[in-house]
PDB file of N, CA and C in Angstrom:
ATOM      1  N   MET A   1     -39.139 -11.852  45.934  1.00  0.00           N
ATOM      2  CA  MET A   1     -37.631 -12.050  45.629  1.00  0.00           C
ATOM      3  C   MET A   1     -37.032 -10.743  46.394  1.00  0.00           C
ATOM      4  N   LYS A   2     -36.215 -10.867  46.964  1.00  0.00           N
ATOM      5  CA  LYS A   2     -35.346  -9.661  47.898  1.00  0.00           C
ATOM      6  C   LYS A   2     -34.089  -9.574  47.103  1.00  0.00           C
ATOM      7  N   PHE A   3     -33.510  -8.372  46.967  1.00  0.00           N
ATOM      8  CA  PHE A   3     -32.385  -8.184  46.487  1.00  0.00           C
ATOM      9  C   PHE A   3     -31.212  -7.007  47.105  1.00  0.00           C
ATOM     10  N   GLN A   4     -30.069  -7.068  47.243  1.00  0.00           N
ATOM     11  CA  GLN A   4     -29.321  -6.178  48.035  1.00  0.00           C
ATOM     12  C   GLN A   4     -29.189  -5.067  47.018  1.00  0.00           C
ATOM     13  N   VAL A   5     -29.688  -3.876  47.594  1.00  0.00           N
ATOM     14  CA  VAL A   5     -29.223  -2.687  46.555  1.00  0.00           C
ATOM     15  C   VAL A   5     -28.461  -1.694  47.443  1.00  0.00           C
ATOM     16  N   ILE A   6     -27.384  -1.292  46.640  1.00  0.00           N
ATOM     17  CA  ILE A   6     -26.408  -0.178  47.205  1.00  0.00           C
ATOM     18  C   ILE A   6     -26.851   1.400  46.712  1.00  0.00           C
ATOM     19  N   PHE A   7     -26.971   2.095  47.583  1.00  0.00           N
ATOM     20  CA  PHE A   7     -27.065   3.339  46.923  1.00  0.00           C
ATOM     21  C   PHE A   7     -25.931   3.983  47.410  1.00  0.00           C
ATOM     22  N   THR A   8     -25.633   5.138  46.690  1.00  0.00           N
ATOM     23  CA  THR A   8     -24.419   5.850  46.819  1.00  0.00           C
ATOM     24  C   THR A   8     -24.914   7.360  46.292  1.00  0.00           C
ATOM     25  N   PHE A   9     -24.499   8.282  46.877  1.00  0.00           N
ATOM     26  CA  PHE A   9     -24.726   9.667  46.765  1.00  0.00           C
ATOM     27  C   PHE A   9     -23.298   9.929  45.561  1.00  0.00           C
ATOM     28  N   ASP A  10     -24.020  10.681  44.333  1.00  0.00           N
ATOM     29  CA  ASP A  10     -22.984  11.213  43.581  1.00  0.00           C
ATOM     30  C   ASP A  10     -23.059  12.423  43.243  1.00  0.00           C
ATOM     31  N   PRO A  11     -21.863  13.170  44.380  1.00  0.00           N
ATOM     32  CA  PRO A  11     -21.944  14.796  44.017  1.00  0.00           C
ATOM     33  C   PRO A  11     -22.060  15.465  42.835  1.00  0.00           C
ATOM     34  N   GLU A  12     -21.375  14.620  42.095  1.00  0.00           N
ATOM     35  CA  GLU A  12     -21.624  15.449  40.399  1.00  0.00           C
ATOM     36  C   GLU A  12     -22.756  15.404  39.769  1.00  0.00           C
ATOM     37  N   TYR A  13     -23.370  14.164  40.038  1.00  0.00           N
ATOM     38  CA  TYR A  13     -25.110  14.013  39.573  1.00  0.00           C
ATOM     39  C   TYR A  13     -26.138  14.900  40.351  1.00  0.00           C
ATOM     40  N   GLN A  14     -25.753  14.994  41.825  1.00  0.00           N
ATOM     41  CA  GLN A  14     -26.501  15.522  42.857  1.00  0.00           C
ATOM     42  C   GLN A  14     -27.718  14.793  42.890  1.00  0.00           C
ATOM     43  N   GLY A  15     -27.450  13.500  42.803  1.00  0.00           N
ATOM     44  CA  GLY A  15     -28.524  12.330  43.184  1.00  0.00           C
ATOM     45  C   GLY A  15     -28.083  11.273  43.601  1.00  0.00           C
ATOM     46  N   TYR A  16     -28.717  10.213  43.678  1.00  0.00           N
ATOM     47  CA  TYR A  16     -28.394   8.923  44.072  1.00  0.00           C
ATOM     48  C   TYR A  16     -28.274   7.752  42.849  1.00  0.00           C
ATOM     49  N   VAL A  17     -27.094   6.947  43.083  1.00  0.00           N
ATOM     50  CA  VAL A  17     -26.898   5.856  42.046  1.00  0.00           C
ATOM     51  C   VAL A  17     -27.404   4.424  42.836  1.00  0.00           C
ATOM     52  N   ALA A  18     -27.954   3.942  42.247  1.00  0.00           N
ATOM     53  CA  ALA A  18     -28.344   2.435  42.823  1.00  0.00           C
ATOM     54  C   ALA A  18     -27.954   1.207  42.063  1.00  0.00           C
ATOM     55  N   GLU A  19     -27.310   0.211  42.832  1.00  0.00           N
ATOM     56  CA  GLU A  19     -26.510  -0.782  41.852  1.00  0.00           C
ATOM     57  C   GLU A  19     -27.079  -2.122  42.831  1.00  0.00           C
ATOM     58  N   VAL A  20     -27.581  -3.340  41.976  1.00  0.00           N
ATOM     59  CA  VAL A  20     -27.952  -4.825  42.434  1.00  0.00           C
ATOM     60  C   VAL A  20     -26.700  -5.384  42.055  1.00  0.00           C
ATOM     61  N   PRO A  21     -25.816  -5.690  43.023  1.00  0.00           N
ATOM     62  CA  PRO A  21     -24.875  -6.642  43.039  1.00  0.00           C
ATOM     63  C   PRO A  21     -25.293  -7.760  42.389  1.00  0.00           C
ATOM     64  N   ALA A  22     -25.947  -8.768  42.836  1.00  0.00           N
ATOM     65  CA  ALA A  22     -26.616 -10.100  42.475  1.00  0.00           C
ATOM     66  C   ALA A  22     -26.841  -9.853  40.849  1.00  0.00           C
ATOM     67  N   LEU A  23     -27.335  -8.483  40.149  1.00  0.00           N
ATOM     68  CA  LEU A  23     -27.570  -8.639  38.778  1.00  0.00           C
ATOM     69  C   LEU A  23     -26.582  -7.634  38.177  1.00  0.00           C
ATOM     70  N   PRO A  24     -25.770  -8.405  37.648  1.00  0.00           N
ATOM     71  CA  PRO A  24     -24.706  -7.358  36.940  1.00  0.00           C
ATOM     72  C   PRO A  24     -25.252  -6.588  35.756  1.00  0.00           C
ATOM     73  N   GLY A  25     -24.927  -5.512  35.852  1.00  0.00           N
ATOM     74  CA  GLY A  25     -25.274  -4.126  34.916  1.00  0.00           C
ATOM     75  C   GLY A  25     -26.687  -3.507  35.449  1.00  0.00           C
ATOM     76  N   CYS A  26     -27.307  -4.260  36.239  1.00  0.00           N
ATOM     77  CA  CYS A  26     -28.641  -3.794  36.916  1.00  0.00           C
ATOM     78  C   CYS A  26     -28.257  -2.411  37.849  1.00  0.00           C
ATOM     79  N   LEU A  27     -28.368  -1.192  37.283  1.00  0.00           N
ATOM     80  CA  LEU A  27     -28.438   0.069  37.895  1.00  0.00           C
ATOM     81  C   LEU A  27     -29.419   0.985  37.667  1.00  0.00           C
ATOM     82  N   SER A  28     -29.644   1.941  38.533  1.00  0.00           N
ATOM     83  CA  SER A  28     -30.463   2.965  38.237  1.00  0.00           C
ATOM     84  C   SER A  28     -30.139   4.263  38.887  1.00  0.00           C
ATOM     85  N   GLN A  29     -30.784   5.281  38.938  1.00  0.00           N
ATOM     86  CA  GLN A  29     -30.345   6.599  39.452  1.00  0.00           C
ATOM     87  C   GLN A  29     -31.699   7.870  40.127  1.00  0.00           C
ATOM     88  N   GLY A  30     -31.471   8.380  40.766  1.00  0.00           N
ATOM     89  CA  GLY A  30     -32.637   9.185  40.944  1.00  0.00           C
ATOM     90  C   GLY A  30     -32.138  10.531  41.621  1.00  0.00           C
ATOM     91  N   LYS A  31     -32.576  11.642  41.590  1.00  0.00           N
ATOM     92  CA  LYS A  31     -32.307  12.584  42.461  1.00  0.00           C
ATOM     93  C   LYS A  31     -32.515  12.760  43.823  1.00  0.00           C
ATOM     94  N   THR A  32     -33.674  12.161  44.417  1.00  0.00           N
ATOM     95  CA  THR A  32     -33.885  11.611  45.589  1.00  0.00           C
ATOM     96  C   THR A  32     -33.992  10.290  46.146  1.00  0.00           C
ATOM     97  N   LEU A  33     -33.691   9.992  47.243  1.00  0.00           N
ATOM     98  CA  LEU A  33     -33.460   8.237  47.647  1.00  0.00           C
ATOM     99  C   LEU A  33     -34.963   7.703  46.935  1.00  0.00           C
ATOM    100  N   ASP A  34     -35.946   8.385  47.353  1.00  0.00           N
ATOM    101  CA  ASP A  34     -37.345   7.649  47.114  1.00  0.00           C
ATOM    102  C   ASP A  34     -37.272   7.566  45.767  1.00  0.00           C
ATOM    103  N   GLU A  35     -37.138   8.296  44.708  1.00  0.00           N
ATOM    104  CA  GLU A  35     -37.071   8.360  43.254  1.00  0.00           C
ATOM    105  C   GLU A  35     -36.176   7.030  43.069  1.00  0.00           C
ATOM    106  N   ALA A  36     -34.765   7.097  43.527  1.00  0.00           N
ATOM    107  CA  ALA A  36     -33.976   6.074  43.120  1.00  0.00           C
ATOM    108  C   ALA A  36     -34.376   4.722  43.572  1.00  0.00           C
ATOM    109  N   VAL A  37     -34.990   4.300  44.590  1.00  0.00           N
ATOM    110  CA  VAL A  37     -35.716   3.332  45.189  1.00  0.00           C
ATOM    111  C   VAL A  37     -36.732   2.946  44.135  1.00  0.00           C
ATOM    112  N   ALA A  38     -37.763   3.733  43.733  1.00  0.00           N
ATOM    113  CA  ALA A  38     -38.494   3.369  42.710  1.00  0.00           C
ATOM    114  C   ALA A  38     -37.974   2.944  41.402  1.00  0.00           C
ATOM    115  N   ASN A  39     -36.746   3.894  40.790  1.00  0.00           N
ATOM    116  CA  ASN A  39     -36.334   3.678  39.776  1.00  0.00           C
ATOM    117  C   ASN A  39     -35.351   2.104  39.655  1.00  0.00           C
ATOM    118  N   ILE A  40     -34.893   1.846  40.663  1.00  0.00           N
ATOM    119  CA  ILE A  40     -34.301   0.483  40.637  1.00  0.00           C
ATOM    120  C   ILE A  40     -35.214  -0.832  40.939  1.00  0.00           C
ATOM    121  N   ARG A  41     -36.389  -0.583  41.476  1.00  0.00           N
ATOM    122  CA  ARG A  41     -37.148  -1.417  41.438  1.00  0.00           C
ATOM    123  C   ARG A  41     -37.822  -1.926  40.123  1.00  0.00           C
ATOM    124  N   ASP A  42     -38.281  -0.789  39.265  1.00  0.00           N
ATOM    125  CA  ASP A  42     -38.244  -0.937  37.773  1.00  0.00           C
ATOM    126  C   ASP A  42     -37.351  -1.794  37.399  1.00  0.00           C
ATOM    127  N   ALA A  43     -35.995  -1.301  37.421  1.00  0.00           N
ATOM    128  CA  ALA A  43     -35.215  -1.969  36.476  1.00  0.00           C
ATOM    129  C   ALA A  43     -34.686  -3.295  36.892  1.00  0.00           C
ATOM    130  N   ILE A  44     -34.819  -3.522  38.525  1.00  0.00           N
ATOM    131  CA  ILE A  44     -34.908  -5.030  38.981  1.00  0.00           C
ATOM    132  C   ILE A  44     -36.066  -5.900  37.979  1.00  0.00           C
ATOM    133  N   ARG A  45     -37.217  -5.359  38.126  1.00  0.00           N
ATOM    134  CA  ARG A  45     -38.460  -5.720  37.066  1.00  0.00           C
ATOM    135  C   ARG A  45     -38.061  -6.238  35.588  1.00  0.00           C
ATOM    136  N   GLY A  46     -37.602  -5.249  35.091  1.00  0.00           N
ATOM    137  CA  GLY A  46     -37.010  -5.434  33.566  1.00  0.00           C
ATOM    138  C   GLY A  46     -36.087  -6.258  33.439  1.00  0.00           C
ATOM    139  N   TYR A  47     -34.954  -6.396  34.475  1.00  0.00           N
ATOM    140  CA  TYR A  47     -33.733  -7.458  34.223  1.00  0.00           C
ATOM    141  C   TYR A  47     -34.338  -8.892  34.372  1.00  0.00           C
ATOM    142  N   LEU A  48     -35.439  -8.970  35.375  1.00  0.00           N
ATOM    143  CA  LEU A  48     -35.802 -10.104  35.452  1.00  0.00           C
ATOM    144  C   LEU A  48     -36.790 -10.770  34.196  1.00  0.00           C
ATOM    145  N   TYR A  49     -37.346  -9.855  33.890  1.00  0.00           N
ATOM    146  CA  TYR A  49     -38.325 -10.061  32.539  1.00  0.00           C
ATOM    147  C   TYR A  49     -37.776 -10.458  31.421  1.00  0.00           C
ATOM    148  N   VAL A  50     -36.345 -10.005  30.985  1.00  0.00           N
ATOM    149  CA  VAL A  50     -35.711  -9.940  30.170  1.00  0.00           C
ATOM    150  C   VAL A  50     -34.909 -11.561  30.364  1.00  0.00           C
ATOM    151  N   GLU A  51     -34.235 -11.684  31.450  1.00  0.00           N
ATOM    152  CA  GLU A  51     -34.015 -12.932  31.667  1.00  0.00           C
ATOM    153  C   GLU A  51     -34.811 -13.987  31.522  1.00  0.00           C
ATOM    154  N   GLU A  52     -36.109 -13.750  31.965  1.00  0.00           N
ATOM    155  CA  GLU A  52     -36.792 -15.043  31.818  1.00  0.00           C
ATOM    156  C   GLU A  52     -37.219 -15.387  30.141  1.00  0.00           C
ATOM    157  N   ILE A  53     -37.171 -14.024  29.829  1.00  0.00           N
ATOM    158  CA  ILE A  53     -37.301 -14.436  28.027  1.00  0.00           C
ATOM    159  C   ILE A  53     -36.312 -14.869  27.324  1.00  0.00           C
ATOM    160  N   ASN A  54     -35.183 -14.640  27.889  1.00  0.00           N
ATOM    161  CA  ASN A  54     -33.792 -15.413  27.296  1.00  0.00           C
ATOM    162  C   ASN A  54     -33.829 -16.784  27.758  1.00  0.00           C
ATOM    163  N   LYS A  55     -34.151 -17.226  28.747  1.00  0.00           N
ATOM    164  CA  LYS A  55     -34.381 -18.411  28.982  1.00  0.00           C
ATOM    165  C   LYS A  55     -35.221 -19.664  28.237  1.00  0.00           C
ATOM    166  N   SER A  56     -36.564 -18.576  27.394  1.00  0.00           N
ATOM    167  CA  SER A  56     -37.353 -19.327  26.862  1.00  0.00           C
ATOM    168  C   SER A  56     -36.932 -19.519  25.447  1.00  0.00           C
ATOM    169  N   VAL A  57     -35.680 -18.784  24.898  1.00  0.00           N
ATOM    170  CA  VAL A  57     -35.558 -18.744  23.584  1.00  0.00           C
ATOM    171  C   VAL A  57     -34.562 -19.907  23.394  1.00  0.00           C
TER     172      VAL A  57
END
């Protein structure tokens, strides 16, 4: 599955914020772009896992 991710540099945080528009509330961040990419991938996996659990309840 592929999702669009929007990366924004936050000067106050001095790092990147990542948001997945198709998954409301799915956000992450990282001091480097590589770190933000890894973190948002993990956040997406967690988001989808929780959605799947909620469907079976």
